[in-house]
Amino acid sequence: MKSYLLPLLLAGLFVQATAQNSPFQIHLEPLSIPNVGGLQSYAYGQHAGKWLIIGGRLDGLHRRQPFATFDLAGHNNQLIVIDPLTQQRWTAPLTSLPIPVREQLSSTNMQFIQNGDYLYLTGGYGYSNTAGDHITYDKMTAVKVPDLIAAIVGGTDFSAFFRQITDARFAVTGGHLSKIYDTYYLVGGQRFDGRYNPMGPAHGPGFVQAYTDQIRKFNIFDNGNVLTVNHLSAWTDTDQLHRRDYNVAPQILPNGQEGLTAYSGVFQKTVDLPYLNCVNVDSSGYAANNTFSQYYNHYHCAFLPLYSEQNNQMHTVFFGGIAQFYDSLGILVQDNNVPFVRTIARVTRNADGTMAEYKLPVEMPALLGAGSEFIPLETLPAYANGVIRLDNLSADTTLVGYIYGGIASSASNIFWINTGTESSASNQIFKVYVVKNISSAVHELNKQSTGTLRMQVFPNPNNGVFGVKFQMPEVKQAWLTIADSNGKIIDREALKNLLPGENIVTRKLSNVKIGNAYFVTLETETERATVKTIIQD
């Protein structure tokens, strides 16, 4: 379940950007298919050019009132097949399936992955008539994709193409189900039972929320009749794996091996803000990368993984969605309300393992992307884990896949005014092209992404009392400077008693004026970051 917008606050972070020649460019082309309805946070599989769409929500951003949020009317109770080439759509109701299967497959934010002919779905959140409440489903369902697509198109019975098992370890929503070689990885997420309430679990009807704080590993044994799972030892980290509603992308690592990267996610344990660092995963373990910060595309959105073997560079492109930061005329603006954004950005991992973030010159045409999926062409040259072989795209312009659905928002920040009409589930489809050999394709390096400070001011706006949260990989001299909007320094001091890792210092400004802006700058001998804070009542 995506609790997209919590009672956070606003700031502006000024950062220098550097133009960089790009290894490729992205081009989006709208595609309209008759009768394709809007949908967000769904699961998909595909076969022979046709998409199988399961679950998700028919409405937009969830409302904050417990009686209205994640209601039954927003459940997707149909199986959907879409052929983007012939521009056709077929549907079939879930009513013929057993109740446990039907309920899970109408949920939102299931984890899913396709392996060959079979689509595996775990968890998901929604209202269960059986339980009489909103729950996270403790199920794994296997779906035979080619046969189900054919049955839906042909209008024949399809009940034989579903098998389901029950296991409490699959009661997860808002995580990701991925695969490295023969092992499956259920990364992050949470178990959420009850009705969502932004005021907390003790208000209204109440709810129970538990992050997994884990990477759960297992093998699947499936002969087409019997479905069994062998669980392996999970990796637990209450700090770095305390993440949900985010992106976990397949990767080719600098050593040529398959891996995963968990990008951003919410919420940090000390403050209700997104994570800025990432977690890299391979078959032997995981490690947080604290020398890289991702400022764009924090919540789950469509993403495109591309690897250049020639340059040993891994590129992951993120399309819109929701983020704590966005660019405005060269200024990186921090908005702790975590708004909808139009940003398209890429994160590149170089041969030496260093990572950096770049803003693309193209944007989403509107506030789109949250809860959408990128559906790649099956015929692309790709690695076994789905990463596209960039060097093998021989044409100057190559269609690599499609983006479908997600939330379309009418404004950046709508959570506290959301009546259900300010956003909707998008029915928009985009063709996604990779364009190579374009010398004028310039991407802007976000220099802050390669730093280690990860500075954030909270709350923001504030009444002159605020905290400054930042990271120090090792203790070094640091200075905090506060200046007014004219650049006049009103306070500067050397920080003392700093510790390796996370640090939080608090400050109280005196003689402040309501509506004035102040600039908070943190600097060391090698780095500098500035945040604009607004004074309000």
Foldseek 3Di string as FASTA:
>chain_A
DPPQFAPFFWWFWFFFWDKDFDQWAKDKDWDDFPPQAFFFQWDWDDDPQKIKTWAGFFWFDAAQDLVGGQDPVGFDQWIKIARRVVRDIFIDGPVVEPLLVSVQRRFGQWAWDDDPQKIKTFWGWHDRPVVRFIWTAQKIKIFRHVVQNVCRVVVHDRRLRIDMDGHNVRSFGQWYWADFVQKIWTAKGKTKIGTHHSVAQVDDPGIDIGIPQKTWMWGWDPPPPDTDIGTDDIDHDCAQRNFGQFDKDWKQALVRGIWIKTAWGDDGPVDGFIFFWIWIGHPVGIDIDLQFGHFPRRGDFAKAWAAEPVFSKIKIKGAWAWGQWDDDPNIIIGGTSGWTGFWIKMWMQGSVRAIFIWTWPDTHPASWTRRKYWDFDPPACDDPRRHGHVVPPPDQKDFTTKIAWGKGAQDTRCRVVDPRPRITIDGIMITMMIGRPDRPGIIIIRVVRSHNFPWDWPRFQEQQKIKIKTADQQDAKKKKWKAWPVRHTPDIDIDPPDDHTMDMDMGGDPPDDAQTKMKIWMDGPVDIIIMIGGHHD
